[in-house]
Amino acid sequence: MAAKKEKTFKFVIVGGGIAGVTCVEQLTSQIPSADVALITAGHHIKAVTNYKQLTVIHSAVKSLHTETHSLETADGRVFGYEKLCICSGGRPKLLTQDNPYVLGIRDTDSAQEFQKLLSKAKRIVVVGNGGIALELVYEVEGCEVIWAVKDKAIGNTFFDAGAAQFLIPSLEADKPEVAAPCKRTRYTTEEPAPGASQTFTAEPGSALGPDWHEGIALRGAQQVSRRVSVEYQCEVEKIFTSEELLNSPQQTLRPESAGSWPVYVQLTNGKTFGCDLVVSATGVVPNAEPFLHGNTFAVAGDGGLRVDDHMMTSEPDVYAAGDVCTACWELSSLWQQMRLWTQARQMGWYAGRCMAAHVLSEPIELDFCFELFSHITKFFNYKVVLLGKFNGQGLGSDHELLVRCTKGREYVKVVLSGGRMVGAVLIGETDLEETFENLILNQMDLTPYGEELLNPDVDIEDYFD
């Protein structure tokens, strides 16, 4: 590399999303005197506190040179590092790259763009069945929503068909006026300070946190409150403009209102819908590309940078955390990586701990958060808690389920293997998460309790205090 290093930092973190910011916080609390740089392409940084010793560089990374411990930014500057952590997140799997009517929602910037486009929309087609799609179809008002999911039930990343059936009526009911608060760590996004040197490139911003839709009005142009129709077990076959549709030789494709919508979506179930906007919410792929060229990173099958139990990649002094990495240590039997916001935060925090420990030559154990998978979120205004192997992941047929469901109030599912609890799904205000978390962790034999385990007349907490 010809260009001279502008400055060498002790720690460089790439990515201003939750993993990157948590990593910075951890590093600066462990080694307050360390020189830390955060390189981010996004307009917003998920920030909690400002640190005096933190330099924020607003640019995308153009190339990484692990041999010389340096990286070049898109605006041509070169920075050195002693230790680097890549927290570049994931990029949305878009249905199509260059259609102005197709929007991928992944980060803070695209959510605001969506709000703008939605305000003029009468009908949208939402494609995808993950967390963002679930939140979106529930939050949008004043607009007709056609929701295309590739599975037999909604939300199958998070729960089974039973839980999906429990939630479906909420899509048809009016939204309650005030949502019950859900206890979680909150992060705010900060604009860069006025006058701060900035170079923006069209790079992805930071991923949306769990409360992303609060404070943005997701209202369409209609007076209706909400109309959602779900099209199951189908994917997008083709996307047309109205001109393409009118000139299409396949007359069967022409819906009644051909020409009256700007964009048309043909689904694999043979149906075609006209709409104002197509929202692509079909998940993400690790954003590792920019770092691979010229280096020899070990990459996992899903495209993530392989990391060990100290969040280290295969390149010396390079760590990774969040959606860009794939956990490749021997995983606990009760934990799985799911590229969720909560996991990005945990990984960023732990990567910061590991980087500091290595610099200070201190020993470090794998963090306890990787012992048991747990995720708290909110779908359709219900609190949702997922624990352990909540969908029987990897258990084959060797497990049994206990389910308790009170329509409109709660849905409780327990996964047992060999008489021991290995996972649970709790929807609603069940107050069971702490008890169940302990039962999963201590692997107590629950065979004597049988069905009583979920008997609503038995206060289960008294059993296991």
Protein backbone atom coordinates (compact mmCIF):
# COMPACT_ATOMS: atom_id res chain seq x y z
CA MET A 1 0.00 0.00 0.00
CA ALA A 2 1.57 3.24 -1.14
CA ALA A 3 -0.37 5.71 1.01
CA LYS A 4 1.15 6.57 4.35
CA LYS A 5 -0.81 5.78 7.51
CA GLU A 6 -2.46 8.95 8.77
CA LYS A 7 -2.52 7.60 12.31
CA THR A 8 -2.25 4.27 14.11
CA PHE A 9 -4.80 3.56 16.82
CA LYS A 10 -4.55 0.94 19.54
CA PHE A 11 -8.09 -0.22 18.70
CA VAL A 12 -10.09 0.28 15.53
CA ILE A 13 -13.74 -0.77 15.35
CA VAL A 14 -15.52 -0.85 11.99
CA GLY A 15 -19.30 -0.32 12.12
CA GLY A 16 -21.49 2.10 14.09
CA GLY A 17 -24.27 -0.39 14.80
CA ILE A 18 -25.03 -1.96 18.15
CA ALA A 19 -22.13 -4.47 18.05
CA GLY A 20 -19.57 -1.78 17.20
CA VAL A 21 -20.78 0.74 19.76
CA THR A 22 -20.98 -1.85 22.56
CA CYS A 23 -17.47 -2.99 21.69
CA VAL A 24 -16.20 0.61 21.92
CA GLU A 25 -17.94 1.11 25.28
CA GLN A 26 -16.42 -2.04 26.69
CA LEU A 27 -12.90 -1.20 25.47
CA THR A 28 -13.00 2.33 26.80
CA SER A 29 -14.28 1.20 30.19
CA GLN A 30 -11.57 -1.50 30.46
CA ILE A 31 -8.68 0.65 29.18
CA PRO A 32 -9.71 4.29 29.65
CA SER A 33 -6.46 5.67 28.24
CA ALA A 34 -6.56 3.69 24.98
CA ASP A 35 -6.76 5.43 21.64
CA VAL A 36 -9.92 4.11 19.94
CA ALA A 37 -11.27 4.82 16.45
CA LEU A 38 -14.77 3.98 15.24
CA ILE A 39 -15.09 3.87 11.44
CA THR A 40 -18.69 4.04 10.26
CA ALA A 41 -20.39 4.70 6.94
CA GLY A 42 -23.84 5.29 8.40
CA HIS A 43 -25.34 8.69 9.17
CA HIS A 44 -26.44 7.48 12.59
CA ILE A 45 -24.37 5.94 15.33
CA LYS A 46 -26.14 3.90 17.97
CA ALA A 47 -24.56 5.84 20.78
CA VAL A 48 -25.04 5.91 24.50
CA THR A 49 -22.20 8.06 25.73
CA ASN A 50 -19.55 10.20 24.12
CA TYR A 51 -15.99 9.28 24.95
CA LYS A 52 -13.19 11.84 24.88
CA GLN A 53 -10.63 9.37 23.57
CA LEU A 54 -12.85 8.15 20.75
CA THR A 55 -12.22 9.30 17.18
CA VAL A 56 -15.19 8.81 14.85
CA ILE A 57 -14.28 8.47 11.18
CA HIS A 58 -17.31 8.86 8.90
CA SER A 59 -16.50 6.78 5.86
CA ALA A 60 -16.86 3.30 4.42
CA VAL A 61 -13.91 0.91 4.46
CA LYS A 62 -12.48 0.41 0.98
CA SER A 63 -9.86 -2.22 1.79
CA LEU A 64 -8.22 -4.02 4.68
CA HIS A 65 -4.58 -5.11 4.71
CA THR A 66 -4.08 -7.50 7.61
CA GLU A 67 -0.35 -7.96 6.92
CA THR A 68 0.41 -4.28 7.43
CA HIS A 69 -2.33 -3.86 10.09
CA SER A 70 -3.92 -1.04 8.14
CA LEU A 71 -7.13 -0.14 6.37
CA GLU A 72 -8.05 2.38 3.73
CA THR A 73 -11.32 4.31 3.82
CA ALA A 74 -13.43 5.23 0.80
CA ASP A 75 -12.18 8.82 0.99
CA GLY A 76 -8.57 7.65 0.52
CA ARG A 77 -7.25 7.89 4.08
CA VAL A 78 -5.18 5.10 5.64
CA PHE A 79 -5.30 4.17 9.32
CA GLY A 80 -3.21 1.66 11.24
CA TYR A 81 -4.44 -0.51 14.09
CA GLU A 82 -2.94 -2.71 16.78
CA LYS A 83 -6.20 -4.61 17.19
CA LEU A 84 -9.21 -4.42 14.89
CA CYS A 85 -12.82 -5.50 15.41
CA ILE A 86 -15.07 -5.86 12.35
CA CYS A 87 -18.70 -5.10 13.26
CA SER A 88 -20.00 -4.33 9.78
CA GLY A 89 -23.30 -6.18 10.33
CA GLY A 90 -25.38 -7.73 7.58
CA ARG A 91 -26.77 -6.37 4.35
CA PRO A 92 -30.36 -7.01 3.31
CA LYS A 93 -31.06 -9.79 0.80
CA LEU A 94 -32.94 -7.63 -1.68
CA LEU A 95 -35.48 -9.09 -4.09
CA THR A 96 -34.04 -6.90 -6.81
CA GLN A 97 -31.26 -4.34 -6.80
CA ASP A 98 -32.42 -1.48 -8.95
CA ASN A 99 -36.18 -1.09 -8.73
CA PRO A 100 -37.26 2.24 -7.18
CA TYR A 101 -40.49 0.61 -5.93
CA VAL A 102 -38.67 -2.12 -4.00
CA LEU A 103 -37.31 -1.12 -0.61
CA GLY A 104 -35.27 -3.27 1.77
CA ILE A 105 -35.78 -2.38 5.42
CA ARG A 106 -32.75 -3.13 7.47
CA ASP A 107 -31.35 0.03 9.01
CA THR A 108 -32.33 3.38 10.43
CA ASP A 109 -31.98 5.21 7.10
CA SER A 110 -34.15 2.78 5.13
CA ALA A 111 -36.83 2.85 7.88
CA GLN A 112 -37.12 6.62 7.44
CA GLU A 113 -37.24 6.27 3.66
CA PHE A 114 -40.02 3.71 4.12
CA GLN A 115 -42.00 6.10 6.30
CA LYS A 116 -41.82 8.73 3.55
CA LEU A 117 -42.94 6.37 0.76
CA LEU A 118 -45.65 4.76 2.90
CA SER A 119 -47.37 8.07 3.59
CA LYS A 120 -48.48 8.19 -0.07
CA ALA A 121 -49.28 4.47 -0.40
CA LYS A 122 -52.69 2.79 -0.57
CA ARG A 123 -51.38 -0.77 -0.81
CA ILE A 124 -48.01 -2.37 -0.11
CA VAL A 125 -46.72 -5.91 -0.56
CA VAL A 126 -44.46 -7.11 2.28
CA VAL A 127 -42.21 -10.08 1.45
CA GLY A 128 -40.53 -11.98 4.29
CA ASN A 129 -41.29 -13.80 7.51
CA GLY A 130 -38.66 -12.60 9.98
CA GLY A 131 -38.76 -10.12 12.83
CA ILE A 132 -38.93 -6.95 10.73
CA ALA A 133 -41.77 -8.30 8.56
CA LEU A 134 -43.72 -9.32 11.68
CA GLU A 135 -43.34 -5.90 13.28
CA LEU A 136 -44.04 -4.08 10.06
CA VAL A 137 -47.36 -5.70 9.13
CA TYR A 138 -48.64 -5.01 12.64
CA GLU A 139 -47.47 -1.39 12.86
CA VAL A 140 -48.56 -0.13 9.44
CA GLU A 141 -51.89 1.75 9.44
CA GLY A 142 -53.94 3.50 6.77
CA CYS A 143 -52.83 1.08 4.09
CA GLU A 144 -53.73 -2.31 2.71
CA VAL A 145 -50.99 -4.88 3.28
CA ILE A 146 -50.47 -8.05 1.22
CA TRP A 147 -48.03 -10.21 3.18
CA ALA A 148 -46.20 -12.94 1.24
CA VAL A 149 -44.57 -15.60 3.44
CA LYS A 150 -42.72 -18.62 2.13
CA ASP A 151 -43.78 -20.85 5.04
CA LYS A 152 -47.01 -22.49 6.16
CA ALA A 153 -47.24 -20.14 9.15
CA ILE A 154 -46.14 -16.63 10.07
CA GLY A 155 -42.98 -16.03 12.07
CA ASN A 156 -41.55 -19.53 11.82
CA THR A 157 -38.05 -18.28 12.69
CA PHE A 158 -39.37 -17.47 16.14
CA PHE A 159 -42.25 -19.81 16.86
CA ASP A 160 -44.30 -22.77 15.73
CA ALA A 161 -47.64 -22.90 13.93
CA GLY A 162 -49.52 -22.97 17.26
CA ALA A 163 -48.06 -19.66 18.36
CA ALA A 164 -48.73 -18.26 14.88
CA GLN A 165 -52.42 -19.20 15.23
CA PHE A 166 -52.48 -17.51 18.62
CA LEU A 167 -51.13 -14.26 17.12
CA ILE A 168 -53.15 -14.11 13.87
CA PRO A 169 -56.35 -12.64 15.45
CA SER A 170 -54.34 -9.58 16.55
CA LEU A 171 -53.77 -8.72 12.88
CA GLU A 172 -57.51 -8.48 12.37
CA ALA A 173 -58.29 -6.54 15.55
CA ASP A 174 -57.74 -2.81 16.00
CA LYS A 175 -54.48 -1.88 17.64
CA PRO A 176 -54.71 -1.01 21.35
CA GLU A 177 -54.17 2.67 22.08
CA VAL A 178 -51.25 2.27 24.47
CA ALA A 179 -48.74 -0.53 24.23
CA ALA A 180 -47.55 -2.20 27.41
CA PRO A 181 -43.91 -1.33 28.05
CA CYS A 182 -41.39 -4.08 27.45
CA LYS A 183 -38.28 -4.00 29.66
CA ARG A 184 -35.07 -3.94 27.61
CA THR A 185 -31.93 -1.96 27.20
CA ARG A 186 -32.70 1.07 25.06
CA TYR A 187 -30.34 2.69 22.62
CA THR A 188 -30.75 5.98 20.86
CA THR A 189 -29.31 6.94 17.51
CA GLU A 190 -27.28 10.11 17.42
CA GLU A 191 -26.63 12.43 14.54
CA PRO A 192 -22.97 13.39 14.21
CA ALA A 193 -22.11 16.67 15.93
CA PRO A 194 -22.47 19.79 13.76
CA GLY A 195 -19.18 20.66 12.14
CA ALA A 196 -17.75 17.17 12.64
CA SER A 197 -15.81 16.10 9.57
CA GLN A 198 -18.02 13.74 7.61
CA THR A 199 -17.81 11.86 4.38
CA PHE A 200 -20.95 9.93 3.65
CA THR A 201 -21.17 7.15 1.12
CA ALA A 202 -24.20 5.12 0.17
CA GLU A 203 -23.40 2.39 2.64
CA PRO A 204 -25.82 0.61 4.96
CA GLY A 205 -26.58 2.32 8.25
CA SER A 206 -26.80 0.47 11.54
CA ALA A 207 -29.36 -2.29 11.99
CA LEU A 208 -32.69 -1.51 13.55
CA GLY A 209 -33.07 -2.11 17.26
CA PRO A 210 -36.15 -3.77 18.73
CA ASP A 211 -38.06 -0.50 19.16
CA TRP A 212 -37.29 0.90 15.74
CA HIS A 213 -40.86 1.79 14.82
CA GLU A 214 -41.48 3.84 17.95
CA GLY A 215 -41.48 7.51 17.15
CA ILE A 216 -41.98 7.02 13.41
CA ALA A 217 -45.55 7.14 12.20
CA LEU A 218 -46.12 4.23 9.83
CA ARG A 219 -49.26 5.61 8.16
CA GLY A 220 -50.44 5.11 4.61
CA ALA A 221 -52.71 7.32 2.53
CA GLN A 222 -56.01 5.55 3.31
CA GLN A 223 -58.55 6.10 6.07
CA VAL A 224 -58.75 2.37 6.91
CA SER A 225 -56.95 1.36 10.09
CA ARG A 226 -55.33 -1.84 8.85
CA ARG A 227 -56.10 -4.57 6.36
CA VAL A 228 -53.63 -7.43 6.17
CA SER A 229 -54.04 -10.44 3.83
CA VAL A 230 -51.49 -13.23 4.20
CA GLU A 231 -50.42 -15.27 1.17
CA TYR A 232 -48.80 -18.45 2.53
CA GLN A 233 -46.16 -20.74 1.02
CA CYS A 234 -45.21 -18.45 -1.82
CA GLU A 235 -42.29 -16.34 -2.97
CA VAL A 236 -41.86 -13.57 -5.50
CA GLU A 237 -41.72 -14.86 -9.07
CA LYS A 238 -41.35 -11.52 -10.82
CA ILE A 239 -41.75 -7.79 -10.31
CA PHE A 240 -43.23 -5.68 -13.14
CA THR A 241 -43.84 -2.00 -13.79
CA SER A 242 -47.31 -1.17 -15.13
CA GLU A 243 -45.82 -0.67 -18.64
CA GLU A 244 -44.21 -4.12 -18.59
CA LEU A 245 -47.45 -5.65 -17.44
CA LEU A 246 -49.53 -3.99 -20.18
CA ASN A 247 -47.06 -5.17 -22.81
CA SER A 248 -46.85 -8.65 -21.34
CA PRO A 249 -47.68 -11.44 -23.78
CA GLN A 250 -48.98 -13.51 -20.85
CA GLN A 251 -52.51 -12.15 -20.67
CA THR A 252 -53.09 -14.22 -17.54
CA LEU A 253 -50.80 -11.90 -15.66
CA ARG A 254 -53.05 -8.91 -16.11
CA PRO A 255 -54.95 -8.22 -12.93
CA GLU A 256 -58.27 -6.35 -13.28
CA SER A 257 -56.67 -3.00 -12.56
CA ALA A 258 -53.68 -3.27 -14.92
CA GLY A 259 -51.97 0.07 -15.29
CA SER A 260 -53.42 1.66 -12.16
CA TRP A 261 -50.54 0.70 -9.86
CA PRO A 262 -46.90 1.69 -10.35
CA VAL A 263 -45.59 -1.80 -9.61
CA TYR A 264 -46.91 -5.38 -9.75
CA VAL A 265 -45.75 -8.46 -7.89
CA GLN A 266 -46.30 -11.91 -9.34
CA LEU A 267 -46.15 -14.62 -6.65
CA THR A 268 -45.30 -18.29 -7.14
CA ASN A 269 -48.88 -19.20 -6.16
CA GLY A 270 -50.04 -17.66 -9.46
CA LYS A 271 -51.51 -14.48 -7.97
CA THR A 272 -50.43 -11.00 -9.12
CA PHE A 273 -50.94 -7.90 -6.98
CA GLY A 274 -50.58 -4.27 -7.94
CA CYS A 275 -49.21 -1.97 -5.23
CA ASP A 276 -47.44 1.32 -4.53
CA LEU A 277 -44.43 -0.23 -2.83
CA VAL A 278 -42.81 -3.64 -2.31
CA VAL A 279 -41.03 -4.11 1.01
CA SER A 280 -38.26 -6.68 0.95
CA ALA A 281 -37.79 -8.01 4.50
CA THR A 282 -36.22 -11.35 3.63
CA GLY A 283 -33.31 -11.35 6.05
CA VAL A 284 -29.64 -10.45 5.77
CA VAL A 285 -26.31 -11.82 4.61
CA PRO A 286 -23.10 -11.10 6.56
CA ASN A 287 -21.44 -7.95 5.24
CA ALA A 288 -17.96 -9.50 5.04
CA GLU A 289 -17.17 -8.80 1.36
CA PRO A 290 -15.20 -5.55 1.79
CA PHE A 291 -12.67 -7.27 4.08
CA LEU A 292 -11.96 -10.47 2.18
CA HIS A 293 -9.96 -9.18 -0.80
CA GLY A 294 -6.23 -9.79 -0.39
CA ASN A 295 -6.63 -11.43 3.03
CA THR A 296 -7.06 -15.05 4.06
CA PHE A 297 -10.05 -15.00 6.42
CA ALA A 298 -11.69 -18.31 7.21
CA VAL A 299 -15.32 -17.87 6.11
CA ALA A 300 -18.25 -19.99 7.38
CA GLY A 301 -20.81 -21.66 5.12
CA ASP A 302 -23.29 -18.82 5.69
CA GLY A 303 -20.78 -16.21 4.52
CA GLY A 304 -19.85 -14.94 7.99
CA LEU A 305 -16.28 -14.47 9.25
CA ARG A 306 -15.50 -17.50 11.42
CA VAL A 307 -14.73 -16.51 15.02
CA ASP A 308 -13.44 -18.58 17.95
CA ASP A 309 -14.56 -18.36 21.58
CA HIS A 310 -12.58 -15.13 21.98
CA MET A 311 -14.30 -13.55 18.95
CA MET A 312 -11.02 -13.77 17.00
CA THR A 313 -11.01 -14.35 13.26
CA SER A 314 -8.33 -16.43 11.53
CA GLU A 315 -6.30 -13.26 10.81
CA PRO A 316 -3.94 -12.07 13.60
CA ASP A 317 -5.27 -9.22 15.78
CA VAL A 318 -8.58 -9.12 13.90
CA TYR A 319 -11.80 -9.77 15.83
CA ALA A 320 -15.40 -9.71 14.62
CA ALA A 321 -18.78 -9.37 16.33
CA GLY A 322 -22.47 -9.23 15.42
CA ASP A 323 -24.14 -10.21 12.15
CA VAL A 324 -20.88 -10.21 10.15
CA CYS A 325 -19.43 -13.14 12.10
CA THR A 326 -20.32 -16.79 12.62
CA ALA A 327 -19.73 -18.41 16.00
CA CYS A 328 -17.48 -21.43 15.30
CA TRP A 329 -16.50 -22.56 18.77
CA GLU A 330 -18.08 -25.63 20.37
CA LEU A 331 -21.51 -24.18 21.13
CA SER A 332 -23.46 -24.87 24.31
CA SER A 333 -26.30 -27.33 23.70
CA LEU A 334 -28.77 -24.60 24.71
CA TRP A 335 -27.49 -21.70 22.56
CA GLN A 336 -27.67 -20.96 18.85
CA GLN A 337 -26.67 -17.95 16.80
CA MET A 338 -29.65 -16.16 15.23
CA ARG A 339 -28.28 -12.79 14.08
CA LEU A 340 -30.56 -10.83 16.35
CA TRP A 341 -30.04 -7.37 17.77
CA THR A 342 -29.61 -8.76 21.31
CA GLN A 343 -26.88 -11.13 20.14
CA ALA A 344 -25.06 -8.36 18.28
CA ARG A 345 -24.98 -6.41 21.55
CA GLN A 346 -23.71 -9.40 23.56
CA MET A 347 -21.03 -10.23 20.98
CA GLY A 348 -19.86 -6.62 20.74
CA TRP A 349 -19.59 -6.39 24.52
CA TYR A 350 -17.71 -9.69 24.77
CA ALA A 351 -15.38 -8.84 21.83
CA GLY A 352 -14.44 -5.61 23.63
CA ARG A 353 -13.73 -7.60 26.81
CA CYS A 354 -11.56 -10.07 24.88
CA MET A 355 -9.56 -7.36 23.07
CA ALA A 356 -8.87 -5.58 26.35
CA ALA A 357 -7.97 -8.84 28.13
CA HIS A 358 -5.49 -9.76 25.39
CA VAL A 359 -3.80 -6.35 25.54
CA LEU A 360 -3.65 -6.51 29.35
CA SER A 361 -2.53 -10.20 29.23
CA GLU A 362 -5.45 -11.22 31.42
CA PRO A 363 -7.23 -14.57 31.13
CA ILE A 364 -10.84 -14.49 29.90
CA GLU A 365 -13.63 -17.07 30.02
CA LEU A 366 -16.41 -17.46 27.46
CA ASP A 367 -19.20 -15.16 28.59
CA PHE A 368 -22.23 -16.68 30.33
CA CYS A 369 -24.62 -15.14 27.77
CA PHE A 370 -23.50 -17.89 25.34
CA GLU A 371 -24.68 -20.62 27.75
CA LEU A 372 -28.40 -20.21 27.13
CA PHE A 373 -30.14 -18.62 24.17
CA SER A 374 -32.62 -15.99 25.35
CA HIS A 375 -34.43 -13.29 23.43
CA ILE A 376 -37.13 -10.88 24.55
CA THR A 377 -39.10 -8.95 21.98
CA LYS A 378 -42.62 -7.79 21.21
CA PHE A 379 -44.81 -9.01 18.35
CA PHE A 380 -48.38 -7.83 17.73
CA ASN A 381 -48.26 -6.02 21.07
CA TYR A 382 -47.52 -9.20 23.04
CA LYS A 383 -44.33 -9.68 25.02
CA VAL A 384 -42.46 -12.64 23.48
CA VAL A 385 -39.72 -14.54 25.34
CA LEU A 386 -37.71 -17.27 23.61
CA LEU A 387 -35.43 -19.55 25.63
CA GLY A 388 -32.97 -22.31 24.71
CA LYS A 389 -33.98 -24.65 21.88
CA PHE A 390 -37.38 -22.95 21.74
CA ASN A 391 -38.30 -24.60 18.43
CA GLY A 392 -36.66 -27.94 19.22
CA GLN A 393 -33.70 -26.91 17.03
CA GLY A 394 -31.40 -29.86 16.37
CA LEU A 395 -33.35 -32.23 18.62
CA GLY A 396 -34.85 -34.34 15.82
CA SER A 397 -37.86 -36.30 17.01
CA ASP A 398 -36.30 -36.81 20.42
CA HIS A 399 -38.37 -34.25 22.30
CA GLU A 400 -41.87 -33.61 23.58
CA LEU A 401 -43.89 -30.41 23.81
CA LEU A 402 -46.22 -29.14 26.50
CA VAL A 403 -48.49 -26.28 25.42
CA ARG A 404 -50.89 -24.03 27.31
CA CYS A 405 -52.90 -21.44 25.43
CA THR A 406 -55.46 -18.90 26.63
CA LYS A 407 -56.94 -17.18 23.61
CA GLY A 408 -56.10 -13.48 23.48
CA ARG A 409 -54.01 -13.68 26.65
CA GLU A 410 -51.06 -16.06 26.62
CA TYR A 411 -49.34 -18.90 24.81
CA VAL A 412 -46.83 -21.06 26.69
CA LYS A 413 -44.84 -23.84 25.07
CA VAL A 414 -42.20 -25.96 26.78
CA VAL A 415 -39.73 -28.23 24.97
CA LEU A 416 -38.64 -31.27 27.00
CA SER A 417 -35.90 -33.74 26.10
CA GLY A 418 -35.30 -36.77 28.31
CA GLY A 419 -37.60 -35.25 30.94
CA ARG A 420 -35.54 -32.06 31.13
CA MET A 421 -36.57 -28.63 29.91
CA VAL A 422 -34.43 -27.47 26.97
CA GLY A 423 -36.49 -24.63 25.54
CA ALA A 424 -39.60 -22.48 25.89
CA VAL A 425 -41.75 -19.93 24.05
CA LEU A 426 -43.69 -17.48 26.25
CA ILE A 427 -46.14 -15.06 24.63
CA GLY A 428 -48.04 -12.59 26.82
CA GLU A 429 -47.48 -11.57 30.44
CA THR A 430 -46.75 -15.09 31.72
CA ASP A 431 -44.18 -14.17 34.43
CA LEU A 432 -42.60 -17.59 33.86
CA GLU A 433 -39.34 -16.59 32.19
CA GLU A 434 -37.16 -16.53 35.30
CA THR A 435 -38.42 -19.89 36.58
CA PHE A 436 -38.08 -21.51 33.17
CA GLU A 437 -34.63 -20.04 32.63
CA ASN A 438 -33.50 -21.64 35.90
CA LEU A 439 -35.13 -24.97 35.04
CA ILE A 440 -33.35 -25.03 31.67
CA LEU A 441 -30.00 -24.10 33.18
CA ASN A 442 -30.09 -26.54 36.10
CA GLN A 443 -31.43 -29.40 33.90
CA MET A 444 -33.59 -30.82 36.71
CA ASP A 445 -35.59 -33.95 35.88
CA LEU A 446 -39.20 -32.81 35.50
CA THR A 447 -40.72 -36.24 34.77
CA PRO A 448 -42.52 -36.38 38.17
CA TYR A 449 -44.46 -33.18 37.37
CA GLY A 450 -45.76 -34.28 33.95
CA GLU A 451 -48.61 -32.13 32.64
CA GLU A 452 -48.83 -30.33 36.01
CA LEU A 453 -45.85 -28.29 34.88
CA LEU A 454 -48.21 -26.04 32.91
CA ASN A 455 -51.32 -26.33 35.09
CA PRO A 456 -52.53 -22.71 35.42
CA ASP A 457 -53.92 -23.49 38.91
CA VAL A 458 -50.51 -24.52 40.18
CA ASP A 459 -48.08 -21.72 41.01
CA ILE A 460 -45.03 -23.25 39.40
CA GLU A 461 -42.65 -20.76 41.05
CA ASP A 462 -43.50 -22.20 44.48
CA TYR A 463 -42.32 -25.60 43.32
CA PHE A 464 -38.90 -24.50 42.25
CA ASP A 465 -37.85 -21.70 44.57
